[in-house]
Amino acid sequence: LLAGRSEQRLRDRFRKAGTEFTYIPFDATKTG
């Protein structure tokens, strides 16, 4: 489960590695 502000950035970063993951929206500067 990979968390971050941008799903596209995560997809772009690990696409060529063939990494399978579930995206979780997360911003460290915001609560929740």
Full PDB file with SEQRES, HELIX, SHEET, SSBOND, CRYST1, ORIGX, SCALE, CONECT and MASTER records, all heavy atoms in Angstrom:
SEQRES   1 A   32  LEU LEU ALA GLY ARG SER GLU GLN ARG LEU ARG ASP ARG          
SEQRES   2 A   32  PHE ARG LYS ALA GLY THR GLU PHE THR TYR ILE PRO PHE          
SEQRES   3 A   32  ASP ALA THR LYS THR GLY                                      
HELIX    1 AA1 GLU A    7  PHE A   14  1                                   8    
SHEET    1 AA1 2 LEU A   2  GLY A   4  0                                        
SHEET    2 AA1 2 TYR A  23  PRO A  25  1                                        
CRYST1    1.000    1.000    1.000  90.00  90.00  90.00 P 1           1          
ORIGX1      1.000000  0.000000  0.000000        0.00000                         
ORIGX2      0.000000  1.000000  0.000000        0.00000                         
ORIGX3      0.000000  0.000000  1.000000        0.00000                         
SCALE1      1.000000  0.000000  0.000000        0.00000                         
SCALE2      0.000000  1.000000  0.000000        0.00000                         
SCALE3      0.000000  0.000000  1.000000        0.00000                         
ATOM      1  N   LEU A   1       0.873  -1.164   0.000  1.00  0.00           N  
ATOM      2  CA  LEU A   1       0.000   0.000   0.000  1.00  0.00           C  
ATOM      3  C   LEU A   1       0.915   1.221   0.000  1.00  0.00           C  
ATOM      4  O   LEU A   1       1.663   1.433   0.956  1.00  0.00           O  
ATOM      5  CB  LEU A   1      -0.892   0.011   1.240  1.00  0.00           C  
ATOM      6  CG  LEU A   1      -1.619  -1.294   1.600  1.00  0.00           C  
ATOM      7  CD1 LEU A   1      -2.320  -1.144   2.940  1.00  0.00           C  
ATOM      8  CD2 LEU A   1      -2.601  -1.678   0.513  1.00  0.00           C  
ATOM      9  N   LEU A   2       0.886   2.001  -1.060  1.00  0.00           N  
ATOM     10  CA  LEU A   2       1.764   3.157  -1.170  1.00  0.00           C  
ATOM     11  C   LEU A   2       0.953   4.436  -1.040  1.00  0.00           C  
ATOM     12  O   LEU A   2      -0.021   4.646  -1.772  1.00  0.00           O  
ATOM     13  CB  LEU A   2       2.530   3.140  -2.496  1.00  0.00           C  
ATOM     14  CG  LEU A   2       3.352   1.882  -2.777  1.00  0.00           C  
ATOM     15  CD1 LEU A   2       4.172   2.055  -4.050  1.00  0.00           C  
ATOM     16  CD2 LEU A   2       4.249   1.519  -1.598  1.00  0.00           C  
ATOM     17  N   ALA A   3       1.341   5.270  -0.080  1.00  0.00           N  
ATOM     18  CA  ALA A   3       0.577   6.483   0.233  1.00  0.00           C  
ATOM     19  C   ALA A   3       1.325   7.725  -0.220  1.00  0.00           C  
ATOM     20  O   ALA A   3       2.544   7.822  -0.088  1.00  0.00           O  
ATOM     21  CB  ALA A   3       0.310   6.554   1.738  1.00  0.00           C  
ATOM     22  N   GLY A   4       0.574   8.692  -0.748  1.00  0.00           N  
ATOM     23  CA  GLY A   4       1.190   9.945  -1.181  1.00  0.00           C  
ATOM     24  C   GLY A   4       0.162  10.912  -1.694  1.00  0.00           C  
ATOM     25  O   GLY A   4      -1.040  10.608  -1.750  1.00  0.00           O  
ATOM     26  N   ARG A   5       0.620  12.082  -2.086  1.00  0.00           N  
ATOM     27  CA  ARG A   5      -0.285  13.111  -2.589  1.00  0.00           C  
ATOM     28  C   ARG A   5      -0.698  12.869  -4.039  1.00  0.00           C  
ATOM     29  O   ARG A   5      -1.753  13.313  -4.469  1.00  0.00           O  
ATOM     30  CB  ARG A   5       0.370  14.486  -2.458  1.00  0.00           C  
ATOM     31  CG  ARG A   5       0.479  14.973  -1.024  1.00  0.00           C  
ATOM     32  CD  ARG A   5       1.217  16.289  -0.921  1.00  0.00           C  
ATOM     33  NE  ARG A   5       2.635  16.145  -1.251  1.00  0.00           N  
ATOM     34  CZ  ARG A   5       3.533  17.107  -1.158  1.00  0.00           C  
ATOM     35  NH1 ARG A   5       3.156  18.319  -0.772  1.00  0.00           N  
ATOM     36  NH2 ARG A   5       4.797  16.898  -1.452  1.00  0.00           N  
ATOM     37  N   SER A   6       0.160  12.179  -4.805  1.00  0.00           N  
ATOM     38  CA  SER A   6      -0.107  11.998  -6.231  1.00  0.00           C  
ATOM     39  C   SER A   6      -0.028  10.527  -6.616  1.00  0.00           C  
ATOM     40  O   SER A   6       1.051   9.927  -6.570  1.00  0.00           O  
ATOM     41  CB  SER A   6       0.903  12.797  -7.059  1.00  0.00           C  
ATOM     42  OG  SER A   6       0.821  12.455  -8.433  1.00  0.00           O  
ATOM     43  N   GLU A   7      -1.162   9.961  -7.013  1.00  0.00           N  
ATOM     44  CA  GLU A   7      -1.159   8.581  -7.484  1.00  0.00           C  
ATOM     45  C   GLU A   7      -0.344   8.461  -8.762  1.00  0.00           C  
ATOM     46  O   GLU A   7       0.402   7.492  -8.953  1.00  0.00           O  
ATOM     47  CB  GLU A   7      -2.580   8.092  -7.720  1.00  0.00           C  
ATOM     48  CG  GLU A   7      -2.631   6.647  -8.220  1.00  0.00           C  
ATOM     49  CD  GLU A   7      -4.045   6.118  -8.383  1.00  0.00           C  
ATOM     50  OE1 GLU A   7      -5.002   6.893  -8.181  1.00  0.00           O  
ATOM     51  OE2 GLU A   7      -4.177   4.920  -8.712  1.00  0.00           O  
ATOM     52  N   GLN A   8      -0.454   9.467  -9.640  1.00  0.00           N  
ATOM     53  CA  GLN A   8       0.253   9.406 -10.912  1.00  0.00           C  
ATOM     54  C   GLN A   8       1.769   9.368 -10.712  1.00  0.00           C  
ATOM     55  O   GLN A   8       2.491   8.644 -11.397  1.00  0.00           O  
ATOM     56  CB  GLN A   8      -0.118  10.604 -11.791  1.00  0.00           C  
ATOM     57  CG  GLN A   8       0.388  10.483 -13.229  1.00  0.00           C  
ATOM     58  CD  GLN A   8      -0.162   9.254 -13.930  1.00  0.00           C  
ATOM     59  OE1 GLN A   8      -1.366   9.034 -13.941  1.00  0.00           O  
ATOM     60  NE2 GLN A   8       0.717   8.425 -14.483  1.00  0.00           N  
ATOM     61  N   ARG A   9       2.239  10.161  -9.751  1.00  0.00           N  
ATOM     62  CA  ARG A   9       3.681  10.161  -9.478  1.00  0.00           C  
ATOM     63  C   ARG A   9       4.157   8.788  -9.018  1.00  0.00           C  
ATOM     64  O   ARG A   9       5.226   8.312  -9.424  1.00  0.00           O  
ATOM     65  CB  ARG A   9       4.011  11.214  -8.417  1.00  0.00           C  
ATOM     66  CG  ARG A   9       5.507  11.350  -8.141  1.00  0.00           C  
ATOM     67  CD  ARG A   9       5.776  12.379  -7.084  1.00  0.00           C  
ATOM     68  NE  ARG A   9       7.201  12.487  -6.788  1.00  0.00           N  
ATOM     69  CZ  ARG A   9       7.711  13.168  -5.776  1.00  0.00           C  
ATOM     70  NH1 ARG A   9       6.914  13.844  -4.960  1.00  0.00           N  
ATOM     71  NH2 ARG A   9       9.019  13.210  -5.581  1.00  0.00           N  
ATOM     72  N   LEU A  10       3.379   8.135  -8.179  1.00  0.00           N  
ATOM     73  CA  LEU A  10       3.720   6.793  -7.718  1.00  0.00           C  
ATOM     74  C   LEU A  10       3.683   5.795  -8.872  1.00  0.00           C  
ATOM     75  O   LEU A  10       4.588   4.958  -9.008  1.00  0.00           O  
ATOM     76  CB  LEU A  10       2.771   6.357  -6.611  1.00  0.00           C  
ATOM     77  CG  LEU A  10       3.011   6.969  -5.234  1.00  0.00           C  
ATOM     78  CD1 LEU A  10       1.780   6.831  -4.351  1.00  0.00           C  
ATOM     79  CD2 LEU A  10       4.211   6.317  -4.554  1.00  0.00           C  
ATOM     80  N   ARG A  11       2.650   5.889  -9.704  1.00  0.00           N  
ATOM     81  CA  ARG A  11       2.550   4.985 -10.851  1.00  0.00           C  
ATOM     82  C   ARG A  11       3.744   5.179 -11.789  1.00  0.00           C  
ATOM     83  O   ARG A  11       4.338   4.206 -12.278  1.00  0.00           O  
ATOM     84  CB  ARG A  11       1.251   5.220 -11.622  1.00  0.00           C  
ATOM     85  CG  ARG A  11      -0.022   4.988 -10.819  1.00  0.00           C  
ATOM     86  CD  ARG A  11      -0.272   3.532 -10.558  1.00  0.00           C  
ATOM     87  NE  ARG A  11      -1.451   3.329  -9.705  1.00  0.00           N  
ATOM     88  CZ  ARG A  11      -1.737   2.200  -9.085  1.00  0.00           C  
ATOM     89  NH1 ARG A  11      -0.943   1.149  -9.223  1.00  0.00           N  
ATOM     90  NH2 ARG A  11      -2.794   2.090  -8.313  1.00  0.00           N  
ATOM     91  N   ASP A  12       4.096   6.436 -12.047  1.00  0.00           N  
ATOM     92  CA  ASP A  12       5.216   6.717 -12.946  1.00  0.00           C  
ATOM     93  C   ASP A  12       6.537   6.198 -12.372  1.00  0.00           C  
ATOM     94  O   ASP A  12       7.375   5.675 -13.104  1.00  0.00           O  
ATOM     95  CB  ASP A  12       5.330   8.224 -13.193  1.00  0.00           C  
ATOM     96  CG  ASP A  12       4.192   8.775 -14.033  1.00  0.00           C  
ATOM     97  OD1 ASP A  12       3.480   7.977 -14.677  1.00  0.00           O  
ATOM     98  OD2 ASP A  12       3.998  10.011 -14.034  1.00  0.00           O  
ATOM     99  N   ARG A  13       6.706   6.351 -11.063  1.00  0.00           N  
ATOM    100  CA  ARG A  13       7.966   5.963 -10.432  1.00  0.00           C  
ATOM    101  C   ARG A  13       8.198   4.453 -10.483  1.00  0.00           C  
ATOM    102  O   ARG A  13       9.325   3.997 -10.701  1.00  0.00           O  
ATOM    103  CB  ARG A  13       7.991   6.446  -8.971  1.00  0.00           C  
ATOM    104  CG  ARG A  13       9.179   5.961  -8.150  1.00  0.00           C  
ATOM    105  CD  ARG A  13      10.502   6.437  -8.724  1.00  0.00           C  
ATOM    106  NE  ARG A  13      11.627   5.932  -7.944  1.00  0.00           N  
ATOM    107  CZ  ARG A  13      12.126   4.706  -8.030  1.00  0.00           C  
ATOM    108  NH1 ARG A  13      11.576   3.824  -8.862  1.00  0.00           N  
ATOM    109  NH2 ARG A  13      13.164   4.341  -7.302  1.00  0.00           N  
ATOM    110  N   PHE A  14       7.141   3.662 -10.318  1.00  0.00           N  
ATOM    111  CA  PHE A  14       7.334   2.218 -10.179  1.00  0.00           C  
ATOM    112  C   PHE A  14       6.788   1.394 -11.352  1.00  0.00           C  
ATOM    113  O   PHE A  14       6.834   0.171 -11.312  1.00  0.00           O  
ATOM    114  CB  PHE A  14       6.694   1.739  -8.874  1.00  0.00           C  
ATOM    115  CG  PHE A  14       7.352   2.312  -7.652  1.00  0.00           C  
ATOM    116  CD1 PHE A  14       6.690   3.256  -6.869  1.00  0.00           C  
ATOM    117  CD2 PHE A  14       8.633   1.949  -7.296  1.00  0.00           C  
ATOM    118  CE1 PHE A  14       7.298   3.802  -5.748  1.00  0.00           C  
ATOM    119  CE2 PHE A  14       9.257   2.495  -6.176  1.00  0.00           C  
ATOM    120  CZ  PHE A  14       8.586   3.425  -5.404  1.00  0.00           C  
ATOM    121  N   ARG A  15       6.341   2.073 -12.397  1.00  0.00           N  
ATOM    122  CA  ARG A  15       5.758   1.337 -13.534  1.00  0.00           C  
ATOM    123  C   ARG A  15       6.776   0.381 -14.160  1.00  0.00           C  
ATOM    124  O   ARG A  15       6.480  -0.801 -14.413  1.00  0.00           O  
ATOM    125  CB  ARG A  15       5.253   2.318 -14.593  1.00  0.00           C  
ATOM    126  CG  ARG A  15       4.629   1.621 -15.820  1.00  0.00           C  
ATOM    127  CD  ARG A  15       4.060   2.611 -16.808  1.00  0.00           C  
ATOM    128  NE  ARG A  15       2.906   3.298 -16.250  1.00  0.00           N  
ATOM    129  CZ  ARG A  15       2.875   4.588 -15.931  1.00  0.00           C  
ATOM    130  NH1 ARG A  15       3.957   5.332 -16.111  1.00  0.00           N  
ATOM    131  NH2 ARG A  15       1.780   5.145 -15.451  1.00  0.00           N  
ATOM    132  N   LYS A  16       7.981   0.873 -14.413  1.00  0.00           N  
ATOM    133  CA  LYS A  16       8.978   0.043 -15.089  1.00  0.00           C  
ATOM    134  C   LYS A  16       9.509  -1.063 -14.203  1.00  0.00           C  
ATOM    135  O   LYS A  16      10.101  -2.025 -14.682  1.00  0.00           O  
ATOM    136  CB  LYS A  16      10.121   0.915 -15.604  1.00  0.00           C  
ATOM    137  CG  LYS A  16       9.699   1.834 -16.748  1.00  0.00           C  
ATOM    138  CD  LYS A  16      10.868   2.634 -17.296  1.00  0.00           C  
ATOM    139  CE  LYS A  16      10.429   3.515 -18.442  1.00  0.00           C  
ATOM    140  NZ  LYS A  16      11.560   4.339 -18.968  1.00  0.00           N  
ATOM    141  N   ALA A  17       9.311  -0.939 -12.899  1.00  0.00           N  
ATOM    142  CA  ALA A  17       9.703  -2.016 -11.983  1.00  0.00           C  
ATOM    143  C   ALA A  17       8.649  -3.119 -11.945  1.00  0.00           C  
ATOM    144  O   ALA A  17       8.906  -4.205 -11.423  1.00  0.00           O  
ATOM    145  CB  ALA A  17       9.912  -1.460 -10.581  1.00  0.00           C  
ATOM    146  N   GLY A  18       7.466  -2.817 -12.483  1.00  0.00           N  
ATOM    147  CA  GLY A  18       6.381  -3.791 -12.436  1.00  0.00           C  
ATOM    148  C   GLY A  18       5.800  -3.960 -11.050  1.00  0.00           C  
ATOM    149  O   GLY A  18       5.244  -5.013 -10.721  1.00  0.00           O  
ATOM    150  N   THR A  19       5.912  -2.910 -10.223  1.00  0.00           N  
ATOM    151  CA  THR A  19       5.419  -2.981  -8.849  1.00  0.00           C  
ATOM    152  C   THR A  19       3.897  -2.931  -8.811  1.00  0.00           C  
ATOM    153  O   THR A  19       3.282  -2.016  -9.376  1.00  0.00           O  
ATOM    154  CB  THR A  19       5.984  -1.819  -8.017  1.00  0.00           C  
ATOM    155  OG1 THR A  19       7.409  -1.859  -8.060  1.00  0.00           O  
ATOM    156  CG2 THR A  19       5.518  -1.898  -6.576  1.00  0.00           C  
ATOM    157  N   GLU A  20       3.285  -3.891  -8.143  1.00  0.00           N  
ATOM    158  CA  GLU A  20       1.844  -3.892  -7.949  1.00  0.00           C  
ATOM    159  C   GLU A  20       1.534  -3.318  -6.570  1.00  0.00           C  
ATOM    160  O   GLU A  20       2.101  -3.761  -5.567  1.00  0.00           O  
ATOM    161  CB  GLU A  20       1.293  -5.313  -8.067  1.00  0.00           C  
ATOM    162  CG  GLU A  20       1.499  -5.933  -9.436  1.00  0.00           C  
ATOM    163  CD  GLU A  20       1.005  -7.367  -9.494  1.00  0.00           C  
ATOM    164  OE1 GLU A  20       0.592  -7.894  -8.433  1.00  0.00           O  
ATOM    165  OE2 GLU A  20       1.051  -7.967 -10.576  1.00  0.00           O  
ATOM    166  N   PHE A  21       0.654  -2.319  -6.522  1.00  0.00           N  
ATOM    167  CA  PHE A  21       0.341  -1.708  -5.232  1.00  0.00           C  
ATOM    168  C   PHE A  21      -1.046  -1.081  -5.259  1.00  0.00           C  
ATOM    169  O   PHE A  21      -1.618  -0.811  -6.322  1.00  0.00           O  
ATOM    170  CB  PHE A  21       1.389  -0.658  -4.853  1.00  0.00           C  
ATOM    171  CG  PHE A  21       1.430   0.555  -5.761  1.00  0.00           C  
ATOM    172  CD1 PHE A  21       0.647   1.673  -5.514  1.00  0.00           C  
ATOM    173  CD2 PHE A  21       2.269   0.575  -6.860  1.00  0.00           C  
ATOM    174  CE1 PHE A  21       0.688   2.787  -6.346  1.00  0.00           C  
ATOM    175  CE2 PHE A  21       2.327   1.677  -7.700  1.00  0.00           C  
ATOM    176  CZ  PHE A  21       1.535   2.792  -7.440  1.00  0.00           C  
ATOM    177  N   THR A  22      -1.551  -0.825  -4.064  1.00  0.00           N  
ATOM    178  CA  THR A  22      -2.800  -0.083  -3.890  1.00  0.00           C  
ATOM    179  C   THR A  22      -2.438   1.335  -3.469  1.00  0.00           C  
ATOM    180  O   THR A  22      -1.629   1.531  -2.564  1.00  0.00           O  
ATOM    181  CB  THR A  22      -3.674  -0.742  -2.810  1.00  0.00           C  
ATOM    182  OG1 THR A  22      -3.994  -2.075  -3.212  1.00  0.00           O  
ATOM    183  CG2 THR A  22      -4.960   0.056  -2.586  1.00  0.00           C  
ATOM    184  N   TYR A  23      -3.031   2.315  -4.120  1.00  0.00           N  
ATOM    185  CA  TYR A  23      -2.746   3.712  -3.795  1.00  0.00           C  
ATOM    186  C   TYR A  23      -3.607   4.186  -2.630  1.00  0.00           C  
ATOM    187  O   TYR A  23      -4.818   3.944  -2.585  1.00  0.00           O  
ATOM    188  CB  TYR A  23      -3.003   4.607  -5.005  1.00  0.00           C  
ATOM    189  CG  TYR A  23      -2.952   6.085  -4.677  1.00  0.00           C  
ATOM    190  CD1 TYR A  23      -1.756   6.692  -4.315  1.00  0.00           C  
ATOM    191  CD2 TYR A  23      -4.111   6.866  -4.717  1.00  0.00           C  
ATOM    192  CE1 TYR A  23      -1.700   8.042  -4.004  1.00  0.00           C  
ATOM    193  CE2 TYR A  23      -4.074   8.222  -4.412  1.00  0.00           C  
ATOM    194  CZ  TYR A  23      -2.861   8.801  -4.054  1.00  0.00           C  
ATOM    195  OH  TYR A  23      -2.814  10.141  -3.733  1.00  0.00           O  
ATOM    196  N   ILE A  24      -2.963   4.884  -1.683  1.00  0.00           N  
ATOM    197  CA  ILE A  24      -3.654   5.474  -0.540  1.00  0.00           C  
ATOM    198  C   ILE A  24      -3.359   6.974  -0.532  1.00  0.00           C  
ATOM    199  O   ILE A  24      -2.189   7.370  -0.450  1.00  0.00           O  
ATOM    200  CB  ILE A  24      -3.167   4.871   0.803  1.00  0.00           C  
ATOM    201  CG1 ILE A  24      -3.261   3.338   0.791  1.00  0.00           C  
ATOM    202  CG2 ILE A  24      -3.945   5.462   1.968  1.00  0.00           C  
ATOM    203  CD1 ILE A  24      -4.659   2.804   0.695  1.00  0.00           C  
ATOM    204  N   PRO A  25      -4.369   7.830  -0.654  1.00  0.00           N  
ATOM    205  CA  PRO A  25      -4.105   9.279  -0.629  1.00  0.00           C  
ATOM    206  C   PRO A  25      -3.626   9.731   0.747  1.00  0.00           C  
ATOM    207  O   PRO A  25      -4.192   9.340   1.770  1.00  0.00           O  
ATOM    208  CB  PRO A  25      -5.463   9.894  -0.974  1.00  0.00           C  
ATOM    209  CG  PRO A  25      -6.472   8.853  -0.616  1.00  0.00           C  
ATOM    210  CD  PRO A  25      -5.802   7.530  -0.835  1.00  0.00           C  
ATOM    211  N   PHE A  26      -2.553  10.546   0.762  1.00  0.00           N  
ATOM    212  CA  PHE A  26      -1.992  10.999   2.032  1.00  0.00           C  
ATOM    213  C   PHE A  26      -1.166  12.258   1.815  1.00  0.00           C  
ATOM    214  O   PHE A  26      -0.354  12.335   0.901  1.00  0.00           O  
ATOM    215  CB  PHE A  26      -1.108   9.909   2.648  1.00  0.00           C  
ATOM    216  CG  PHE A  26      -0.381  10.329   3.903  1.00  0.00           C  
ATOM    217  CD1 PHE A  26      -1.084  10.621   5.069  1.00  0.00           C  
ATOM    218  CD2 PHE A  26       1.003  10.438   3.917  1.00  0.00           C  
ATOM    219  CE1 PHE A  26      -0.419  11.004   6.220  1.00  0.00           C  
ATOM    220  CE2 PHE A  26       1.682  10.811   5.073  1.00  0.00           C  
ATOM    221  CZ  PHE A  26       0.967  11.103   6.223  1.00  0.00           C  
ATOM    222  N   ASP A  27      -1.396  13.245   2.678  1.00  0.00           N  
ATOM    223  CA  ASP A  27      -0.616  14.480   2.682  1.00  0.00           C  
ATOM    224  C   ASP A  27      -0.132  14.700   4.107  1.00  0.00           C  
ATOM    225  O   ASP A  27      -0.943  14.902   5.021  1.00  0.00           O  
ATOM    226  CB  ASP A  27      -1.472  15.662   2.211  1.00  0.00           C  
ATOM    227  CG  ASP A  27      -0.671  16.953   2.053  1.00  0.00           C  
ATOM    228  OD1 ASP A  27       0.392  17.083   2.700  1.00  0.00           O  
ATOM    229  OD2 ASP A  27      -1.114  17.842   1.299  1.00  0.00           O  
ATOM    230  N   ALA A  28       1.191  14.663   4.302  1.00  0.00           N  
ATOM    231  CA  ALA A  28       1.747  14.752   5.655  1.00  0.00           C  
ATOM    232  C   ALA A  28       1.506  16.102   6.311  1.00  0.00           C  
ATOM    233  O   ALA A  28       1.622  16.225   7.532  1.00  0.00           O  
ATOM    234  CB  ALA A  28       3.247  14.457   5.616  1.00  0.00           C  
ATOM    235  N   THR A  29       1.158  17.119   5.534  1.00  0.00           N  
ATOM    236  CA  THR A  29       0.925  18.451   6.110  1.00  0.00           C  
ATOM    237  C   THR A  29      -0.529  18.652   6.525  1.00  0.00           C  
ATOM    238  O   THR A  29      -0.879  19.710   7.042  1.00  0.00           O  
ATOM    239  CB  THR A  29       1.327  19.554   5.119  1.00  0.00           C  
ATOM    240  OG1 THR A  29       0.469  19.494   3.960  1.00  0.00           O  
ATOM    241  CG2 THR A  29       2.769  19.408   4.684  1.00  0.00           C  
ATOM    242  N   LYS A  30      -1.372  17.633   6.286  1.00  0.00           N  
ATOM    243  CA  LYS A  30      -2.779  17.736   6.635  1.00  0.00           C  
ATOM    244  C   LYS A  30      -3.170  16.612   7.583  1.00  0.00           C  
ATOM    245  O   LYS A  30      -2.654  15.496   7.481  1.00  0.00           O  
ATOM    246  CB  LYS A  30      -3.646  17.689   5.374  1.00  0.00           C  
ATOM    247  CG  LYS A  30      -3.377  18.845   4.413  1.00  0.00           C  
ATOM    248  CD  LYS A  30      -4.216  18.734   3.159  1.00  0.00           C  
ATOM    249  CE  LYS A  30      -3.921  19.888   2.206  1.00  0.00           C  
ATOM    250  NZ  LYS A  30      -4.694  19.778   0.946  1.00  0.00           N  
ATOM    251  N   THR A  31      -4.066  16.913   8.491  1.00  0.00           N  
ATOM    252  CA  THR A  31      -4.473  15.910   9.471  1.00  0.00           C  
ATOM    253  C   THR A  31      -5.360  14.857   8.826  1.00  0.00           C  
ATOM    254  O   THR A  31      -6.051  15.116   7.848  1.00  0.00           O  
ATOM    255  CB  THR A  31      -5.232  16.563  10.637  1.00  0.00           C  
ATOM    256  OG1 THR A  31      -6.375  17.266  10.112  1.00  0.00           O  
ATOM    257  CG2 THR A  31      -4.345  17.535  11.376  1.00  0.00           C  
ATOM    258  N   GLY A  32      -5.318  13.674   9.392  1.00  0.00           N  
ATOM    259  CA  GLY A  32      -6.202  12.607   8.944  1.00  0.00           C  
ATOM    260  C   GLY A  32      -5.531  11.620   8.019  1.00  0.00           C  
ATOM    261  O   GLY A  32      -4.582  11.953   7.307  1.00  0.00           O  
TER     262      GLY A  32                                                      
MASTER        0    0    0    1    2    0    0    6  261    1    0    3          
END                                                                             
